[in-house]
């Protein structure tokens, strides 16, 4: 459920989701955002099963690193750092000030924030 109705969230960890499906969906989301969609948004990855694995989240973080190197995105932030304004991760995220306060009050390791650009 969105913490802020005006802030876009995309859920990649629907029941039964596979990593390759989630990555294909992420690619479509980033492509649409680059084409004029929202410039800052949250990706819901989940934070892993009771076994401690977070395959979708790990894959999304790796994809975001690749997108950043390829200049497809301006930055990304693991949701667990959304409330830690002094962390290097938060400081490096170019749209940190655009993350709604509700996310900062309740950091969520099952989210990844993505910034496409400065628009």
C-alpha atoms as a PDB file:
ATOM      1  CA  UNK A   1       0.000   0.000   0.000  1.00  0.00           C
ATOM      2  CA  UNK A   2       1.299   3.427  -0.935  1.00  0.00           C
ATOM      3  CA  UNK A   3       2.332   5.668   1.915  1.00  0.00           C
ATOM      4  CA  UNK A   4       1.675   8.672  -0.295  1.00  0.00           C
ATOM      5  CA  UNK A   5      -0.993   8.419  -2.975  1.00  0.00           C
ATOM      6  CA  UNK A   6       0.821  10.926  -5.199  1.00  0.00           C
ATOM      7  CA  UNK A   7       4.165   9.089  -5.038  1.00  0.00           C
ATOM      8  CA  UNK A   8       4.384   6.228  -7.558  1.00  0.00           C
ATOM      9  CA  UNK A   9       5.114   2.704  -6.348  1.00  0.00           C
ATOM     10  CA  UNK A  10       5.602  -0.353  -8.538  1.00  0.00           C
ATOM     11  CA  UNK A  11       5.256  -3.797  -6.959  1.00  0.00           C
ATOM     12  CA  UNK A  12       7.693  -6.382  -8.327  1.00  0.00           C
ATOM     13  CA  UNK A  13       7.267  -8.982  -5.615  1.00  0.00           C
ATOM     14  CA  UNK A  14       3.755 -10.185  -6.283  1.00  0.00           C
ATOM     15  CA  UNK A  15       3.059 -13.745  -5.168  1.00  0.00           C
ATOM     16  CA  UNK A  16       4.894 -16.248  -7.349  1.00  0.00           C
ATOM     17  CA  UNK A  17       7.044 -13.617  -9.061  1.00  0.00           C
ATOM     18  CA  UNK A  18      10.307 -14.828 -10.524  1.00  0.00           C
ATOM     19  CA  UNK A  19      13.478 -12.757 -10.708  1.00  0.00           C
ATOM     20  CA  UNK A  20      13.530 -12.639 -14.512  1.00  0.00           C
ATOM     21  CA  UNK A  21       9.894 -11.451 -14.589  1.00  0.00           C
ATOM     22  CA  UNK A  22      10.651  -8.763 -12.001  1.00  0.00           C
ATOM     23  CA  UNK A  23      13.684  -7.555 -13.957  1.00  0.00           C
ATOM     24  CA  UNK A  24      11.704  -7.402 -17.205  1.00  0.00           C
ATOM     25  CA  UNK A  25       9.058  -5.343 -15.421  1.00  0.00           C
ATOM     26  CA  UNK A  26      11.754  -3.074 -13.924  1.00  0.00           C
ATOM     27  CA  UNK A  27      13.175  -2.490 -17.395  1.00  0.00           C
ATOM     28  CA  UNK A  28       9.714  -1.464 -18.667  1.00  0.00           C
ATOM     29  CA  UNK A  29       9.217   0.873 -15.684  1.00  0.00           C
ATOM     30  CA  UNK A  30      12.596   2.576 -16.165  1.00  0.00           C
ATOM     31  CA  UNK A  31      12.044   2.863 -19.909  1.00  0.00           C
ATOM     32  CA  UNK A  32       8.608   4.422 -19.400  1.00  0.00           C
ATOM     33  CA  UNK A  33       9.981   6.845 -16.799  1.00  0.00           C
ATOM     34  CA  UNK A  34      12.786   7.873 -19.157  1.00  0.00           C
ATOM     35  CA  UNK A  35      10.116   8.512 -21.779  1.00  0.00           C
ATOM     36  CA  UNK A  36       8.297  11.047 -19.640  1.00  0.00           C
ATOM     37  CA  UNK A  37       6.960   9.061 -16.699  1.00  0.00           C
ATOM     38  CA  UNK A  38       7.660   9.864 -13.049  1.00  0.00           C
ATOM     39  CA  UNK A  39      11.230  10.929 -12.386  1.00  0.00           C
ATOM     40  CA  UNK A  40      11.293   9.523  -8.833  1.00  0.00           C
ATOM     41  CA  UNK A  41       9.470   6.409  -7.694  1.00  0.00           C
ATOM     42  CA  UNK A  42       9.597   3.424  -5.372  1.00  0.00           C
ATOM     43  CA  UNK A  43      10.045  -0.186  -6.434  1.00  0.00           C
ATOM     44  CA  UNK A  44       8.536  -2.705  -4.015  1.00  0.00           C
ATOM     45  CA  UNK A  45      10.913  -5.663  -3.962  1.00  0.00           C
ATOM     46  CA  UNK A  46      10.057  -7.313  -0.686  1.00  0.00           C
ATOM     47  CA  UNK A  47      12.909  -8.059   1.666  1.00  0.00           C
ATOM     48  CA  UNK A  48      13.179 -11.781   1.348  1.00  0.00           C
ATOM     49  CA  UNK A  49      11.588 -14.893   2.697  1.00  0.00           C
ATOM     50  CA  UNK A  50      11.911 -16.272   6.174  1.00  0.00           C
ATOM     51  CA  UNK A  51      15.074 -17.956   4.909  1.00  0.00           C
ATOM     52  CA  UNK A  52      16.712 -14.538   4.639  1.00  0.00           C
ATOM     53  CA  UNK A  53      17.077 -14.481   0.873  1.00  0.00           C
ATOM     54  CA  UNK A  54      15.953 -11.461  -1.069  1.00  0.00           C
ATOM     55  CA  UNK A  55      16.453 -12.616  -4.625  1.00  0.00           C
ATOM     56  CA  UNK A  56      14.256  -9.985  -6.281  1.00  0.00           C
ATOM     57  CA  UNK A  57      15.682  -7.175  -4.159  1.00  0.00           C
ATOM     58  CA  UNK A  58      19.266  -8.275  -4.859  1.00  0.00           C
ATOM     59  CA  UNK A  59      18.541  -8.492  -8.580  1.00  0.00           C
ATOM     60  CA  UNK A  60      16.870  -5.058  -8.620  1.00  0.00           C
ATOM     61  CA  UNK A  61      19.830  -3.475  -6.787  1.00  0.00           C
ATOM     62  CA  UNK A  62      22.247  -5.090  -9.280  1.00  0.00           C
ATOM     63  CA  UNK A  63      20.121  -3.876 -12.202  1.00  0.00           C
ATOM     64  CA  UNK A  64      20.015  -0.362 -10.735  1.00  0.00           C
ATOM     65  CA  UNK A  65      23.815  -0.356 -10.445  1.00  0.00           C
ATOM     66  CA  UNK A  66      24.012  -1.324 -14.118  1.00  0.00           C
ATOM     67  CA  UNK A  67      21.425   1.314 -15.122  1.00  0.00           C
ATOM     68  CA  UNK A  68      23.415   3.921 -13.184  1.00  0.00           C
ATOM     69  CA  UNK A  69      26.654   2.986 -14.975  1.00  0.00           C
ATOM     70  CA  UNK A  70      24.811   3.195 -18.299  1.00  0.00           C
ATOM     71  CA  UNK A  71      23.290   6.596 -17.364  1.00  0.00           C
ATOM     72  CA  UNK A  72      19.742   5.230 -17.621  1.00  0.00           C
ATOM     73  CA  UNK A  73      19.013   6.421 -14.073  1.00  0.00           C
ATOM     74  CA  UNK A  74      20.478   9.206 -11.955  1.00  0.00           C
ATOM     75  CA  UNK A  75      20.533   7.156  -8.761  1.00  0.00           C
ATOM     76  CA  UNK A  76      18.862   4.639  -6.483  1.00  0.00           C
ATOM     77  CA  UNK A  77      18.444   4.201  -2.738  1.00  0.00           C
ATOM     78  CA  UNK A  78      17.785   1.045  -0.757  1.00  0.00           C
ATOM     79  CA  UNK A  79      14.654   1.736   1.302  1.00  0.00           C
ATOM     80  CA  UNK A  80      16.369   0.816   4.558  1.00  0.00           C
ATOM     81  CA  UNK A  81      18.379   4.062   4.250  1.00  0.00           C
ATOM     82  CA  UNK A  82      15.397   6.326   3.501  1.00  0.00           C
ATOM     83  CA  UNK A  83      15.290   7.622   7.063  1.00  0.00           C
ATOM     84  CA  UNK A  84      19.035   7.824   7.656  1.00  0.00           C
ATOM     85  CA  UNK A  85      19.793  11.301   6.333  1.00  0.00           C
ATOM     86  CA  UNK A  86      23.418  11.023   7.423  1.00  0.00           C
ATOM     87  CA  UNK A  87      24.186   7.779   5.616  1.00  0.00           C
ATOM     88  CA  UNK A  88      26.406   7.917   2.519  1.00  0.00           C
ATOM     89  CA  UNK A  89      23.655   6.093   0.578  1.00  0.00           C
ATOM     90  CA  UNK A  90      21.048   8.739   1.414  1.00  0.00           C
ATOM     91  CA  UNK A  91      23.495  11.574   0.740  1.00  0.00           C
ATOM     92  CA  UNK A  92      24.376  10.140  -2.683  1.00  0.00           C
ATOM     93  CA  UNK A  93      20.737   9.790  -3.801  1.00  0.00           C
ATOM     94  CA  UNK A  94      20.046  12.796  -6.052  1.00  0.00           C
ATOM     95  CA  UNK A  95      16.347  12.982  -5.164  1.00  0.00           C
ATOM     96  CA  UNK A  96      16.496  12.380  -1.415  1.00  0.00           C
ATOM     97  CA  UNK A  97      14.547  15.555  -0.707  1.00  0.00           C
ATOM     98  CA  UNK A  98      11.722  14.297  -2.956  1.00  0.00           C
ATOM     99  CA  UNK A  99      11.077  11.127  -0.940  1.00  0.00           C
ATOM    100  CA  UNK A 100       7.865  11.724   1.030  1.00  0.00           C
ATOM    101  CA  UNK A 101       8.232  12.072   4.799  1.00  0.00           C
ATOM    102  CA  UNK A 102       6.132   8.949   5.481  1.00  0.00           C
ATOM    103  CA  UNK A 103       8.835   6.775   3.894  1.00  0.00           C
ATOM    104  CA  UNK A 104      11.544   8.505   5.902  1.00  0.00           C
ATOM    105  CA  UNK A 105       9.698   7.946   9.180  1.00  0.00           C
ATOM    106  CA  UNK A 106       9.331   4.218   8.513  1.00  0.00           C
ATOM    107  CA  UNK A 107      12.291   3.037   6.435  1.00  0.00           C
ATOM    108  CA  UNK A 108      11.470  -0.175   4.586  1.00  0.00           C
ATOM    109  CA  UNK A 109      14.160  -2.595   3.372  1.00  0.00           C
ATOM    110  CA  UNK A 110      11.580  -3.984   0.942  1.00  0.00           C
ATOM    111  CA  UNK A 111      11.724  -0.825  -1.192  1.00  0.00           C
ATOM    112  CA  UNK A 112      14.208   0.648  -3.628  1.00  0.00           C
ATOM    113  CA  UNK A 113      13.820   4.302  -4.616  1.00  0.00           C
ATOM    114  CA  UNK A 114      14.847   5.218  -8.156  1.00  0.00           C
ATOM    115  CA  UNK A 115      15.596   8.636  -9.638  1.00  0.00           C
ATOM    116  CA  UNK A 116      15.531   8.981 -13.408  1.00  0.00           C
ATOM    117  CA  UNK A 117      16.700  12.573 -13.583  1.00  0.00           C
ATOM    118  CA  UNK A 118      16.208  16.086 -12.330  1.00  0.00           C
ATOM    119  CA  UNK A 119      12.939  16.836 -14.120  1.00  0.00           C
END
